[in-house]
Amino acid sequence: MYIYPDNLKSSPTLWLWRLKDMTIGGLLAVFGVAMLAQFKTLLFAAIAAMYLFLTICFDEACILDFLRKAGIYFIGKSQLYRWGKWEVGRHKADKKQKK
């Protein structure tokens, strides 16, 4: 007997992580352990732990995806602010085009 997920387009997960994130986090963890053994630094182990924490998925959403989208919205994409005076002028132009 096979049990299919509700959404067959969803990404494969293992426990709380997507498989891609689990692979990247595992490689970072192995690299962090090697750096700890050779150079006595916890930098890469901390990076691995932070990456794994940020990629915990609940209902196909994770903190890292939210941070990426927020960065694109606030930093990468230009914002257009429309003030009242501009809107009034726009409505007058729309009325002239309709005539």
PDB file of N, CA and C in Angstrom:
ATOM      1  N   MET A   1       0.846  -1.175   0.000  1.00  0.00           N
ATOM      2  CA  MET A   1       0.000   0.000   0.000  1.00  0.00           C
ATOM      3  C   MET A   1       0.890   1.236   0.000  1.00  0.00           C
ATOM      4  N   TYR A   2       0.634   2.165  -0.923  1.00  0.00           N
ATOM      5  CA  TYR A   2       1.396   3.396  -1.027  1.00  0.00           C
ATOM      6  C   TYR A   2       0.571   4.568  -0.497  1.00  0.00           C
ATOM      7  N   ILE A   3       1.214   5.447   0.213  1.00  0.00           N
ATOM      8  CA  ILE A   3       0.562   6.655   0.708  1.00  0.00           C
ATOM      9  C   ILE A   3       1.229   7.836   0.020  1.00  0.00           C
ATOM     10  N   TYR A   4       0.465   8.563  -0.757  1.00  0.00           N
ATOM     11  CA  TYR A   4       1.002   9.697  -1.500  1.00  0.00           C
ATOM     12  C   TYR A   4       0.736  10.989  -0.739  1.00  0.00           C
ATOM     13  N   PRO A   5       1.655  11.955  -0.839  1.00  0.00           N
ATOM     14  CA  PRO A   5       1.391  13.255  -0.205  1.00  0.00           C
ATOM     15  C   PRO A   5       0.295  13.998  -0.956  1.00  0.00           C
ATOM     16  N   ASP A   6      -0.289  14.969  -0.311  1.00  0.00           N
ATOM     17  CA  ASP A   6      -1.364  15.756  -0.926  1.00  0.00           C
ATOM     18  C   ASP A   6      -0.882  16.490  -2.167  1.00  0.00           C
ATOM     19  N   ASN A   7       0.317  17.009  -2.125  1.00  0.00           N
ATOM     20  CA  ASN A   7       0.852  17.782  -3.229  1.00  0.00           C
ATOM     21  C   ASN A   7       2.053  17.022  -3.803  1.00  0.00           C
ATOM     22  N   LEU A   8       1.900  16.407  -4.962  1.00  0.00           N
ATOM     23  CA  LEU A   8       2.988  15.607  -5.535  1.00  0.00           C
ATOM     24  C   LEU A   8       4.120  16.466  -6.070  1.00  0.00           C
ATOM     25  N   LYS A   9       3.925  17.782  -6.167  1.00  0.00           N
ATOM     26  CA  LYS A   9       4.980  18.671  -6.630  1.00  0.00           C
ATOM     27  C   LYS A   9       5.862  19.165  -5.485  1.00  0.00           C
ATOM     28  N   SER A  10       5.578  18.778  -4.266  1.00  0.00           N
ATOM     29  CA  SER A  10       6.373  19.236  -3.131  1.00  0.00           C
ATOM     30  C   SER A  10       7.759  18.600  -3.154  1.00  0.00           C
ATOM     31  N   SER A  11       8.705  19.277  -2.551  1.00  0.00           N
ATOM     32  CA  SER A  11      10.080  18.787  -2.545  1.00  0.00           C
ATOM     33  C   SER A  11      10.222  17.657  -1.528  1.00  0.00           C
ATOM     34  N   PRO A  12      11.131  16.704  -1.798  1.00  0.00           N
ATOM     35  CA  PRO A  12      11.317  15.591  -0.864  1.00  0.00           C
ATOM     36  C   PRO A  12      11.959  16.072   0.429  1.00  0.00           C
ATOM     37  N   THR A  13      11.475  15.549   1.544  1.00  0.00           N
ATOM     38  CA  THR A  13      11.985  15.974   2.841  1.00  0.00           C
ATOM     39  C   THR A  13      12.438  14.766   3.654  1.00  0.00           C
ATOM     40  N   LEU A  14      13.338  15.037   4.572  1.00  0.00           N
ATOM     41  CA  LEU A  14      13.801  14.047   5.528  1.00  0.00           C
ATOM     42  C   LEU A  14      13.751  14.722   6.885  1.00  0.00           C
ATOM     43  N   TRP A  15      12.923  14.210   7.777  1.00  0.00           N
ATOM     44  CA  TRP A  15      12.627  14.813   9.072  1.00  0.00           C
ATOM     45  C   TRP A  15      12.091  16.217   8.865  1.00  0.00           C
ATOM     46  N   LEU A  16      12.824  17.242   9.246  1.00  0.00           N
ATOM     47  CA  LEU A  16      12.322  18.613   9.113  1.00  0.00           C
ATOM     48  C   LEU A  16      13.000  19.398   8.002  1.00  0.00           C
ATOM     49  N   TRP A  17      13.853  18.752   7.209  1.00  0.00           N
ATOM     50  CA  TRP A  17      14.612  19.449   6.184  1.00  0.00           C
ATOM     51  C   TRP A  17      14.330  18.879   4.804  1.00  0.00           C
ATOM     52  N   ARG A  18      14.483  19.726   3.785  1.00  0.00           N
ATOM     53  CA  ARG A  18      14.482  19.233   2.415  1.00  0.00           C
ATOM     54  C   ARG A  18      15.770  18.455   2.204  1.00  0.00           C
ATOM     55  N   LEU A  19      15.765  17.530   1.268  1.00  0.00           N
ATOM     56  CA  LEU A  19      16.961  16.705   1.051  1.00  0.00           C
ATOM     57  C   LEU A  19      18.146  17.546   0.596  1.00  0.00           C
ATOM     58  N   LYS A  20      17.897  18.563  -0.208  1.00  0.00           N
ATOM     59  CA  LYS A  20      18.974  19.452  -0.652  1.00  0.00           C
ATOM     60  C   LYS A  20      19.615  20.153   0.541  1.00  0.00           C
ATOM     61  N   ASP A  21      18.787  20.673   1.440  1.00  0.00           N
ATOM     62  CA  ASP A  21      19.306  21.367   2.616  1.00  0.00           C
ATOM     63  C   ASP A  21      20.008  20.407   3.571  1.00  0.00           C
ATOM     64  N   MET A  22      19.500  19.192   3.673  1.00  0.00           N
ATOM     65  CA  MET A  22      20.138  18.193   4.529  1.00  0.00           C
ATOM     66  C   MET A  22      21.525  17.837   3.989  1.00  0.00           C
ATOM     67  N   THR A  23      21.657  17.738   2.677  1.00  0.00           N
ATOM     68  CA  THR A  23      22.950  17.427   2.061  1.00  0.00           C
ATOM     69  C   THR A  23      23.938  18.564   2.284  1.00  0.00           C
ATOM     70  N   ILE A  24      23.509  19.794   2.031  1.00  0.00           N
ATOM     71  CA  ILE A  24      24.396  20.949   2.224  1.00  0.00           C
ATOM     72  C   ILE A  24      24.788  21.068   3.695  1.00  0.00           C
ATOM     73  N   GLY A  25      23.829  20.924   4.587  1.00  0.00           N
ATOM     74  CA  GLY A  25      24.120  21.001   6.025  1.00  0.00           C
ATOM     75  C   GLY A  25      25.050  19.892   6.487  1.00  0.00           C
ATOM     76  N   GLY A  26      24.874  18.691   5.960  1.00  0.00           N
ATOM     77  CA  GLY A  26      25.762  17.586   6.311  1.00  0.00           C
ATOM     78  C   GLY A  26      27.186  17.823   5.840  1.00  0.00           C
ATOM     79  N   LEU A  27      27.333  18.321   4.612  1.00  0.00           N
ATOM     80  CA  LEU A  27      28.677  18.626   4.106  1.00  0.00           C
ATOM     81  C   LEU A  27      29.333  19.751   4.911  1.00  0.00           C
ATOM     82  N   LEU A  28      28.561  20.768   5.258  1.00  0.00           N
ATOM     83  CA  LEU A  28      29.093  21.839   6.101  1.00  0.00           C
ATOM     84  C   LEU A  28      29.494  21.320   7.473  1.00  0.00           C
ATOM     85  N   ALA A  29      28.713  20.398   8.029  1.00  0.00           N
ATOM     86  CA  ALA A  29      29.026  19.831   9.337  1.00  0.00           C
ATOM     87  C   ALA A  29      30.311  19.007   9.285  1.00  0.00           C
ATOM     88  N   VAL A  30      30.462  18.199   8.238  1.00  0.00           N
ATOM     89  CA  VAL A  30      31.700  17.414   8.094  1.00  0.00           C
ATOM     90  C   VAL A  30      32.900  18.342   7.935  1.00  0.00           C
ATOM     91  N   PHE A  31      32.748  19.377   7.124  1.00  0.00           N
ATOM     92  CA  PHE A  31      33.822  20.355   6.947  1.00  0.00           C
ATOM     93  C   PHE A  31      34.118  21.078   8.260  1.00  0.00           C
ATOM     94  N   GLY A  32      33.077  21.382   9.033  1.00  0.00           N
ATOM     95  CA  GLY A  32      33.252  22.027  10.336  1.00  0.00           C
ATOM     96  C   GLY A  32      33.995  21.154  11.319  1.00  0.00           C
ATOM     97  N   VAL A  33      33.700  19.855  11.328  1.00  0.00           N
ATOM     98  CA  VAL A  33      34.409  18.925  12.213  1.00  0.00           C
ATOM     99  C   VAL A  33      35.871  18.814  11.797  1.00  0.00           C
ATOM    100  N   ALA A  34      36.128  18.765  10.488  1.00  0.00           N
ATOM    101  CA  ALA A  34      37.514  18.697  10.008  1.00  0.00           C
ATOM    102  C   ALA A  34      38.279  19.962  10.385  1.00  0.00           C
ATOM    103  N   MET A  35      37.658  21.115  10.259  1.00  0.00           N
ATOM    104  CA  MET A  35      38.321  22.366  10.635  1.00  0.00           C
ATOM    105  C   MET A  35      38.539  22.445  12.143  1.00  0.00           C
ATOM    106  N   LEU A  36      37.602  21.912  12.905  1.00  0.00           N
ATOM    107  CA  LEU A  36      37.766  21.884  14.351  1.00  0.00           C
ATOM    108  C   LEU A  36      38.937  20.995  14.746  1.00  0.00           C
ATOM    109  N   ALA A  37      39.078  19.847  14.086  1.00  0.00           N
ATOM    110  CA  ALA A  37      40.170  18.927  14.405  1.00  0.00           C
ATOM    111  C   ALA A  37      41.529  19.490  13.984  1.00  0.00           C
ATOM    112  N   GLN A  38      41.576  20.164  12.846  1.00  0.00           N
ATOM    113  CA  GLN A  38      42.860  20.661  12.337  1.00  0.00           C
ATOM    114  C   GLN A  38      43.252  22.010  12.933  1.00  0.00           C
ATOM    115  N   PHE A  39      42.322  22.934  12.990  1.00  0.00           N
ATOM    116  CA  PHE A  39      42.663  24.315  13.340  1.00  0.00           C
ATOM    117  C   PHE A  39      42.040  24.798  14.648  1.00  0.00           C
ATOM    118  N   LYS A  40      41.272  23.964  15.314  1.00  0.00           N
ATOM    119  CA  LYS A  40      40.627  24.295  16.593  1.00  0.00           C
ATOM    120  C   LYS A  40      39.722  25.538  16.490  1.00  0.00           C
ATOM    121  N   THR A  41      38.984  25.636  15.389  1.00  0.00           N
ATOM    122  CA  THR A  41      38.046  26.738  15.208  1.00  0.00           C
ATOM    123  C   THR A  41      36.625  26.192  15.024  1.00  0.00           C
ATOM    124  N   LEU A  42      35.681  26.851  15.659  1.00  0.00           N
ATOM    125  CA  LEU A  42      34.277  26.428  15.565  1.00  0.00           C
ATOM    126  C   LEU A  42      33.493  27.193  14.512  1.00  0.00           C
ATOM    127  N   LEU A  43      34.168  28.000  13.705  1.00  0.00           N
ATOM    128  CA  LEU A  43      33.490  28.863  12.749  1.00  0.00           C
ATOM    129  C   LEU A  43      32.604  28.075  11.781  1.00  0.00           C
ATOM    130  N   PHE A  44      33.147  27.061  11.133  1.00  0.00           N
ATOM    131  CA  PHE A  44      32.377  26.318  10.131  1.00  0.00           C
ATOM    132  C   PHE A  44      31.320  25.426  10.770  1.00  0.00           C
ATOM    133  N   ALA A  45      31.569  24.936  11.960  1.00  0.00           N
ATOM    134  CA  ALA A  45      30.545  24.165  12.670  1.00  0.00           C
ATOM    135  C   ALA A  45      29.379  25.078  13.049  1.00  0.00           C
ATOM    136  N   ALA A  46      29.677  26.317  13.424  1.00  0.00           N
ATOM    137  CA  ALA A  46      28.619  27.278  13.744  1.00  0.00           C
ATOM    138  C   ALA A  46      27.837  27.655  12.494  1.00  0.00           C
ATOM    139  N   ILE A  47      28.526  27.801  11.367  1.00  0.00           N
ATOM    140  CA  ILE A  47      27.848  28.103  10.104  1.00  0.00           C
ATOM    141  C   ILE A  47      26.912  26.957   9.721  1.00  0.00           C
ATOM    142  N   ALA A  48      27.373  25.726   9.905  1.00  0.00           N
ATOM    143  CA  ALA A  48      26.530  24.563   9.600  1.00  0.00           C
ATOM    144  C   ALA A  48      25.301  24.524  10.499  1.00  0.00           C
ATOM    145  N   ALA A  49      25.491  24.785  11.791  1.00  0.00           N
ATOM    146  CA  ALA A  49      24.366  24.775  12.723  1.00  0.00           C
ATOM    147  C   ALA A  49      23.374  25.887  12.383  1.00  0.00           C
ATOM    148  N   MET A  50      23.877  27.080  12.032  1.00  0.00           N
ATOM    149  CA  MET A  50      22.999  28.179  11.677  1.00  0.00           C
ATOM    150  C   MET A  50      22.228  27.863  10.387  1.00  0.00           C
ATOM    151  N   TYR A  51      22.909  27.288   9.395  1.00  0.00           N
ATOM    152  CA  TYR A  51      22.247  26.939   8.140  1.00  0.00           C
ATOM    153  C   TYR A  51      21.157  25.890   8.386  1.00  0.00           C
ATOM    154  N   LEU A  52      21.454  24.884   9.166  1.00  0.00           N
ATOM    155  CA  LEU A  52      20.454  23.847   9.440  1.00  0.00           C
ATOM    156  C   LEU A  52      19.274  24.401  10.232  1.00  0.00           C
ATOM    157  N   PHE A  53      19.533  25.340  11.136  1.00  0.00           N
ATOM    158  CA  PHE A  53      18.435  25.949  11.884  1.00  0.00           C
ATOM    159  C   PHE A  53      17.542  26.781  10.962  1.00  0.00           C
ATOM    160  N   LEU A  54      18.158  27.551  10.066  1.00  0.00           N
ATOM    161  CA  LEU A  54      17.378  28.425   9.183  1.00  0.00           C
ATOM    162  C   LEU A  54      16.607  27.663   8.109  1.00  0.00           C
ATOM    163  N   THR A  55      16.970  26.405   7.858  1.00  0.00           N
ATOM    164  CA  THR A  55      16.298  25.644   6.803  1.00  0.00           C
ATOM    165  C   THR A  55      15.312  24.611   7.337  1.00  0.00           C
ATOM    166  N   ILE A  56      14.957  24.680   8.609  1.00  0.00           N
ATOM    167  CA  ILE A  56      13.916  23.794   9.138  1.00  0.00           C
ATOM    168  C   ILE A  56      12.599  24.159   8.460  1.00  0.00           C
ATOM    169  N   CYS A  57      11.940  23.181   7.870  1.00  0.00           N
ATOM    170  CA  CYS A  57      10.717  23.426   7.097  1.00  0.00           C
ATOM    171  C   CYS A  57       9.473  22.983   7.854  1.00  0.00           C
ATOM    172  N   PHE A  58       8.481  23.854   7.849  1.00  0.00           N
ATOM    173  CA  PHE A  58       7.144  23.540   8.328  1.00  0.00           C
ATOM    174  C   PHE A  58       6.178  23.962   7.245  1.00  0.00           C
ATOM    175  N   ASP A  59       5.387  23.039   6.745  1.00  0.00           N
ATOM    176  CA  ASP A  59       4.393  23.320   5.702  1.00  0.00           C
ATOM    177  C   ASP A  59       5.018  23.994   4.484  1.00  0.00           C
ATOM    178  N   GLU A  60       6.109  23.449   3.988  1.00  0.00           N
ATOM    179  CA  GLU A  60       6.800  23.925   2.781  1.00  0.00           C
ATOM    180  C   GLU A  60       7.328  25.358   2.919  1.00  0.00           C
ATOM    181  N   ALA A  61       7.559  25.821   4.120  1.00  0.00           N
ATOM    182  CA  ALA A  61       8.115  27.157   4.329  1.00  0.00           C
ATOM    183  C   ALA A  61       9.224  27.072   5.359  1.00  0.00           C
ATOM    184  N   CYS A  62      10.298  27.832   5.118  1.00  0.00           N
ATOM    185  CA  CYS A  62      11.386  27.865   6.083  1.00  0.00           C
ATOM    186  C   CYS A  62      11.854  29.302   6.272  1.00  0.00           C
ATOM    187  N   ILE A  63      12.593  29.534   7.323  1.00  0.00           N
ATOM    188  CA  ILE A  63      13.048  30.873   7.667  1.00  0.00           C
ATOM    189  C   ILE A  63      13.958  31.433   6.584  1.00  0.00           C
ATOM    190  N   LEU A  64      14.831  30.603   6.021  1.00  0.00           N
ATOM    191  CA  LEU A  64      15.771  31.068   5.003  1.00  0.00           C
ATOM    192  C   LEU A  64      15.041  31.550   3.749  1.00  0.00           C
ATOM    193  N   ASP A  65      13.981  30.868   3.340  1.00  0.00           N
ATOM    194  CA  ASP A  65      13.185  31.323   2.189  1.00  0.00           C
ATOM    195  C   ASP A  65      12.554  32.685   2.472  1.00  0.00           C
ATOM    196  N   PHE A  66      12.034  32.849   3.691  1.00  0.00           N
ATOM    197  CA  PHE A  66      11.444  34.131   4.066  1.00  0.00           C
ATOM    198  C   PHE A  66      12.493  35.238   4.031  1.00  0.00           C
ATOM    199  N   LEU A  67      13.688  34.980   4.565  1.00  0.00           N
ATOM    200  CA  LEU A  67      14.748  35.989   4.571  1.00  0.00           C
ATOM    201  C   LEU A  67      15.190  36.342   3.149  1.00  0.00           C
ATOM    202  N   ARG A  68      15.262  35.339   2.263  1.00  0.00           N
ATOM    203  CA  ARG A  68      15.610  35.612   0.866  1.00  0.00           C
ATOM    204  C   ARG A  68      14.576  36.514   0.202  1.00  0.00           C
ATOM    205  N   LYS A  69      13.304  36.171   0.377  1.00  0.00           N
ATOM    206  CA  LYS A  69      12.234  36.965  -0.239  1.00  0.00           C
ATOM    207  C   LYS A  69      12.170  38.366   0.347  1.00  0.00           C
ATOM    208  N   ALA A  70      12.394  38.506   1.647  1.00  0.00           N
ATOM    209  CA  ALA A  70      12.396  39.827   2.271  1.00  0.00           C
ATOM    210  C   ALA A  70      13.572  40.651   1.768  1.00  0.00           C
ATOM    211  N   GLY A  71      14.736  40.036   1.601  1.00  0.00           N
ATOM    212  CA  GLY A  71      15.895  40.752   1.066  1.00  0.00           C
ATOM    213  C   GLY A  71      15.669  41.223  -0.349  1.00  0.00           C
ATOM    214  N   ILE A  72      15.066  40.385  -1.170  1.00  0.00           N
ATOM    215  CA  ILE A  72      14.767  40.784  -2.547  1.00  0.00           C
ATOM    216  C   ILE A  72      13.749  41.918  -2.556  1.00  0.00           C
ATOM    217  N   TYR A  73      12.748  41.829  -1.701  1.00  0.00           N
ATOM    218  CA  TYR A  73      11.708  42.851  -1.685  1.00  0.00           C
ATOM    219  C   TYR A  73      12.244  44.194  -1.196  1.00  0.00           C
ATOM    220  N   PHE A  74      13.007  44.201  -0.093  1.00  0.00           N
ATOM    221  CA  PHE A  74      13.442  45.453   0.499  1.00  0.00           C
ATOM    222  C   PHE A  74      14.736  45.999  -0.101  1.00  0.00           C
ATOM    223  N   ILE A  75      15.621  45.143  -0.606  1.00  0.00           N
ATOM    224  CA  ILE A  75      16.918  45.596  -1.093  1.00  0.00           C
ATOM    225  C   ILE A  75      17.014  45.509  -2.607  1.00  0.00           C
ATOM    226  N   GLY A  76      16.635  44.386  -3.180  1.00  0.00           N
ATOM    227  CA  GLY A  76      16.863  44.149  -4.594  1.00  0.00           C
ATOM    228  C   GLY A  76      15.854  44.751  -5.538  1.00  0.00           C
ATOM    229  N   LYS A  77      14.629  44.927  -5.103  1.00  0.00           N
ATOM    230  CA  LYS A  77      13.570  45.398  -5.985  1.00  0.00           C
ATOM    231  C   LYS A  77      13.253  46.854  -5.660  1.00  0.00           C
ATOM    232  N   SER A  78      13.224  47.700  -6.671  1.00  0.00           N
ATOM    233  CA  SER A  78      12.925  49.109  -6.417  1.00  0.00           C
ATOM    234  C   SER A  78      11.458  49.271  -6.060  1.00  0.00           C
ATOM    235  N   GLN A  79      11.203  50.177  -5.153  1.00  0.00           N
ATOM    236  CA  GLN A  79       9.848  50.431  -4.689  1.00  0.00           C
ATOM    237  C   GLN A  79       9.308  51.683  -5.369  1.00  0.00           C
ATOM    238  N   LEU A  80       8.036  51.705  -5.658  1.00  0.00           N
ATOM    239  CA  LEU A  80       7.386  52.855  -6.250  1.00  0.00           C
ATOM    240  C   LEU A  80       6.306  53.332  -5.288  1.00  0.00           C
ATOM    241  N   TYR A  81       6.484  54.527  -4.780  1.00  0.00           N
ATOM    242  CA  TYR A  81       5.527  55.094  -3.839  1.00  0.00           C
ATOM    243  C   TYR A  81       4.691  56.136  -4.565  1.00  0.00           C
ATOM    244  N   ARG A  82       3.393  56.048  -4.437  1.00  0.00           N
ATOM    245  CA  ARG A  82       2.480  56.984  -5.095  1.00  0.00           C
ATOM    246  C   ARG A  82       1.806  57.824  -4.022  1.00  0.00           C
ATOM    247  N   TRP A  83       1.938  59.116  -4.152  1.00  0.00           N
ATOM    248  CA  TRP A  83       1.352  60.023  -3.180  1.00  0.00           C
ATOM    249  C   TRP A  83       0.048  60.574  -3.724  1.00  0.00           C
ATOM    250  N   GLY A  84      -0.728  61.248  -2.869  1.00  0.00           N
ATOM    251  CA  GLY A  84      -2.056  61.725  -3.226  1.00  0.00           C
ATOM    252  C   GLY A  84      -2.084  62.650  -4.423  1.00  0.00           C
ATOM    253  N   LYS A  85      -1.140  63.567  -4.526  1.00  0.00           N
ATOM    254  CA  LYS A  85      -1.150  64.518  -5.620  1.00  0.00           C
ATOM    255  C   LYS A  85      -0.950  63.812  -6.961  1.00  0.00           C
ATOM    256  N   TRP A  86      -0.103  62.837  -7.000  1.00  0.00           N
ATOM    257  CA  TRP A  86       0.135  62.083  -8.233  1.00  0.00           C
ATOM    258  C   TRP A  86      -1.128  61.329  -8.632  1.00  0.00           C
ATOM    259  N   GLU A  87      -1.823  60.768  -7.663  1.00  0.00           N
ATOM    260  CA  GLU A  87      -3.049  60.022  -7.956  1.00  0.00           C
ATOM    261  C   GLU A  87      -4.126  60.937  -8.547  1.00  0.00           C
ATOM    262  N   VAL A  88      -4.235  62.164  -8.029  1.00  0.00           N
ATOM    263  CA  VAL A  88      -5.245  63.091  -8.530  1.00  0.00           C
ATOM    264  C   VAL A  88      -4.944  63.423  -9.987  1.00  0.00           C
ATOM    265  N   GLY A  89      -3.700  63.705 -10.293  1.00  0.00           N
ATOM    266  CA  GLY A  89      -3.320  64.001 -11.667  1.00  0.00           C
ATOM    267  C   GLY A  89      -3.550  62.818 -12.585  1.00  0.00           C
ATOM    268  N   ARG A  90      -3.365  61.649 -12.073  1.00  0.00           N
ATOM    269  CA  ARG A  90      -3.557  60.441 -12.884  1.00  0.00           C
ATOM    270  C   ARG A  90      -5.031  60.268 -13.237  1.00  0.00           C
ATOM    271  N   HIS A  91      -5.905  60.545 -12.280  1.00  0.00           N
ATOM    272  CA  HIS A  91      -7.339  60.395 -12.547  1.00  0.00           C
ATOM    273  C   HIS A  91      -7.800  61.386 -13.605  1.00  0.00           C
ATOM    274  N   LYS A  92      -7.263  62.593 -13.579  1.00  0.00           N
ATOM    275  CA  LYS A  92      -7.632  63.575 -14.599  1.00  0.00           C
ATOM    276  C   LYS A  92      -7.178  63.109 -15.978  1.00  0.00           C
ATOM    277  N   ALA A  93      -5.987  62.533 -16.049  1.00  0.00           N
ATOM    278  CA  ALA A  93      -5.494  62.034 -17.336  1.00  0.00           C
ATOM    279  C   ALA A  93      -6.350  60.871 -17.832  1.00  0.00           C
ATOM    280  N   ASP A  94      -6.809  60.014 -16.927  1.00  0.00           N
ATOM    281  CA  ASP A  94      -7.668  58.889 -17.306  1.00  0.00           C
ATOM    282  C   ASP A  94      -8.998  59.381 -17.866  1.00  0.00           C
ATOM    283  N   LYS A  95      -9.560  60.447 -17.273  1.00  0.00           N
ATOM    284  CA  LYS A  95     -10.825  60.978 -17.741  1.00  0.00           C
ATOM    285  C   LYS A  95     -10.685  61.569 -19.143  1.00  0.00           C
ATOM    286  N   LYS A  96      -9.535  62.216 -19.403  1.00  0.00           N
ATOM    287  CA  LYS A  96      -9.323  62.801 -20.722  1.00  0.00           C
ATOM    288  C   LYS A  96      -9.186  61.720 -21.786  1.00  0.00           C
ATOM    289  N   GLN A  97      -8.576  60.593 -21.455  1.00  0.00           N
ATOM    290  CA  GLN A  97      -8.419  59.507 -22.415  1.00  0.00           C
ATOM    291  C   GLN A  97      -9.736  58.849 -22.737  1.00  0.00           C
ATOM    292  N   LYS A  98     -10.659  58.791 -21.788  1.00  0.00           N
ATOM    293  CA  LYS A  98     -11.948  58.160 -22.010  1.00  0.00           C
ATOM    294  C   LYS A  98     -12.831  58.980 -22.955  1.00  0.00           C
ATOM    295  N   LYS A  99     -12.633  60.298 -22.985  1.00  0.00           N
ATOM    296  CA  LYS A  99     -13.437  61.162 -23.853  1.00  0.00           C
ATOM    297  C   LYS A  99     -13.005  61.001 -25.247  1.00  0.00           C
TER     298      LYS A  99
END
